[in-house]
């Protein structure tokens, strides 16, 4: 039986959101991806549909990644959350907010696949 994961991808840059989404789709044989441009939309999706993993950027328009992480942690302390950011100095704040892993941009496809597989096993 194949597990269908639901992954929320949050990044305000269309191209980055698209790259992450394509890597996820190629990694998992059965996956549902909700790709949104800011933390407020990601939180709305999470509240209505839940998720198995959240991947978020840090700085976004309506709600940034740190705010999203804090809001999700109030609702669920177990879901893995990955922050992908070009700002290395955000790492300490991300871990304090409850992020599971911090990935610095630019990242490689292989690096992201390893991270995905470490958090959500492929069936």
Protein backbone atom coordinates (compact mmCIF):
# COMPACT_ATOMS: atom_id res chain seq x y z
CA UNK A 1 0.00 0.00 0.00
CA UNK A 2 1.37 3.40 -0.99
CA UNK A 3 1.04 6.22 1.51
CA UNK A 4 -0.13 9.51 0.07
CA UNK A 5 1.58 12.38 1.85
CA UNK A 6 0.34 15.95 1.94
CA UNK A 7 3.16 18.49 1.84
CA UNK A 8 2.71 22.25 2.10
CA UNK A 9 5.33 24.32 0.25
CA UNK A 10 5.45 28.00 1.18
CA UNK A 11 7.69 30.45 -0.65
CA UNK A 12 6.94 33.87 -2.06
CA UNK A 13 9.21 33.28 -5.07
CA UNK A 14 7.37 31.35 -7.80
CA UNK A 15 10.52 29.76 -9.20
CA UNK A 16 11.72 28.44 -5.81
CA UNK A 17 8.25 27.15 -4.99
CA UNK A 18 8.19 25.43 -8.40
CA UNK A 19 11.62 23.81 -7.95
CA UNK A 20 10.75 22.45 -4.52
CA UNK A 21 7.38 21.21 -5.77
CA UNK A 22 8.98 19.38 -8.73
CA UNK A 23 11.58 17.73 -6.49
CA UNK A 24 8.85 16.53 -4.12
CA UNK A 25 6.71 15.21 -6.99
CA UNK A 26 9.67 13.27 -8.40
CA UNK A 27 10.61 11.89 -4.97
CA UNK A 28 7.25 10.47 -3.91
CA UNK A 29 5.14 8.16 -6.08
CA UNK A 30 1.97 9.42 -4.42
CA UNK A 31 1.90 12.93 -2.98
CA UNK A 32 -0.45 15.87 -2.68
CA UNK A 33 1.30 19.23 -2.69
CA UNK A 34 -0.23 22.53 -1.62
CA UNK A 35 2.05 25.28 -2.93
CA UNK A 36 1.31 28.76 -1.56
CA UNK A 37 3.02 32.15 -1.54
CA UNK A 38 2.90 33.09 2.14
CA UNK A 39 2.53 31.79 5.67
CA UNK A 40 -1.06 32.96 6.07
CA UNK A 41 -2.16 30.80 3.13
CA UNK A 42 -0.06 27.88 4.41
CA UNK A 43 -1.67 28.13 7.85
CA UNK A 44 -5.14 28.19 6.28
CA UNK A 45 -4.34 25.04 4.29
CA UNK A 46 -2.91 23.37 7.39
CA UNK A 47 -5.98 24.27 9.46
CA UNK A 48 -8.38 22.88 6.84
CA UNK A 49 -6.47 19.91 5.46
CA UNK A 50 -3.59 19.12 7.80
CA UNK A 51 -0.21 18.07 6.40
CA UNK A 52 2.56 15.54 6.84
CA UNK A 53 5.34 18.09 6.23
CA UNK A 54 5.68 21.85 5.83
CA UNK A 55 8.50 23.48 3.88
CA UNK A 56 8.66 27.24 4.33
CA UNK A 57 10.74 30.23 3.41
CA UNK A 58 11.49 32.83 6.06
CA UNK A 59 10.64 36.27 4.72
CA UNK A 60 7.25 36.47 3.02
CA UNK A 61 4.55 39.13 2.68
CA UNK A 62 1.55 38.53 4.96
CA UNK A 63 3.05 36.00 7.36
CA UNK A 64 6.70 35.01 7.47
CA UNK A 65 8.14 31.59 8.12
CA UNK A 66 8.91 32.19 11.80
CA UNK A 67 5.32 33.26 12.45
CA UNK A 68 4.06 30.23 10.53
CA UNK A 69 6.26 27.85 12.51
CA UNK A 70 5.08 29.31 15.82
CA UNK A 71 1.42 29.11 14.77
CA UNK A 72 1.74 25.51 13.57
CA UNK A 73 3.59 24.49 16.75
CA UNK A 74 0.66 25.78 18.82
CA UNK A 75 -1.56 23.39 16.86
CA UNK A 76 0.80 20.44 16.34
CA UNK A 77 4.16 19.84 17.99
CA UNK A 78 5.07 16.75 15.94
CA UNK A 79 4.76 17.69 12.26
CA UNK A 80 8.16 18.13 10.60
CA UNK A 81 8.81 21.68 9.43
CA UNK A 82 11.74 22.62 7.19
CA UNK A 83 12.81 26.23 6.70
CA UNK A 84 14.61 27.02 3.46
CA UNK A 85 16.26 30.44 3.58
CA UNK A 86 19.07 32.41 2.01
CA UNK A 87 19.53 34.20 5.32
CA UNK A 88 21.82 32.04 7.47
CA UNK A 89 21.32 34.35 10.45
CA UNK A 90 17.66 33.23 10.61
CA UNK A 91 18.73 29.72 11.65
CA UNK A 92 18.82 30.31 15.43
CA UNK A 93 15.43 32.03 15.42
CA UNK A 94 13.99 29.20 13.29
CA UNK A 95 15.12 26.55 15.77
CA UNK A 96 13.83 28.63 18.69
CA UNK A 97 10.44 28.81 16.93
CA UNK A 98 10.36 25.02 16.54
CA UNK A 99 11.65 24.23 13.06
CA UNK A 100 12.81 20.64 12.53
CA UNK A 101 15.52 21.40 9.96
CA UNK A 102 17.04 24.53 8.45
CA UNK A 103 18.30 24.42 4.85
CA UNK A 104 20.33 27.28 3.48
CA UNK A 105 19.74 28.47 -0.09
CA UNK A 106 21.05 27.59 -2.53
CA UNK A 107 20.48 23.89 -1.92
CA UNK A 108 21.05 20.96 -4.23
CA UNK A 109 18.37 18.61 -5.49
CA UNK A 110 20.18 15.69 -3.85
CA UNK A 111 20.29 17.54 -0.52
CA UNK A 112 16.55 18.24 -0.59
CA UNK A 113 15.75 14.64 -1.55
CA UNK A 114 17.86 13.35 1.37
CA UNK A 115 16.02 15.68 3.73
CA UNK A 116 12.60 14.65 2.41
CA UNK A 117 13.40 10.96 2.69
CA UNK A 118 14.74 11.39 6.23
CA UNK A 119 11.45 12.98 7.32
CA UNK A 120 8.91 11.02 5.25
CA UNK A 121 9.87 7.49 4.21
CA UNK A 122 9.18 6.39 0.65
CA UNK A 123 6.88 3.38 0.52
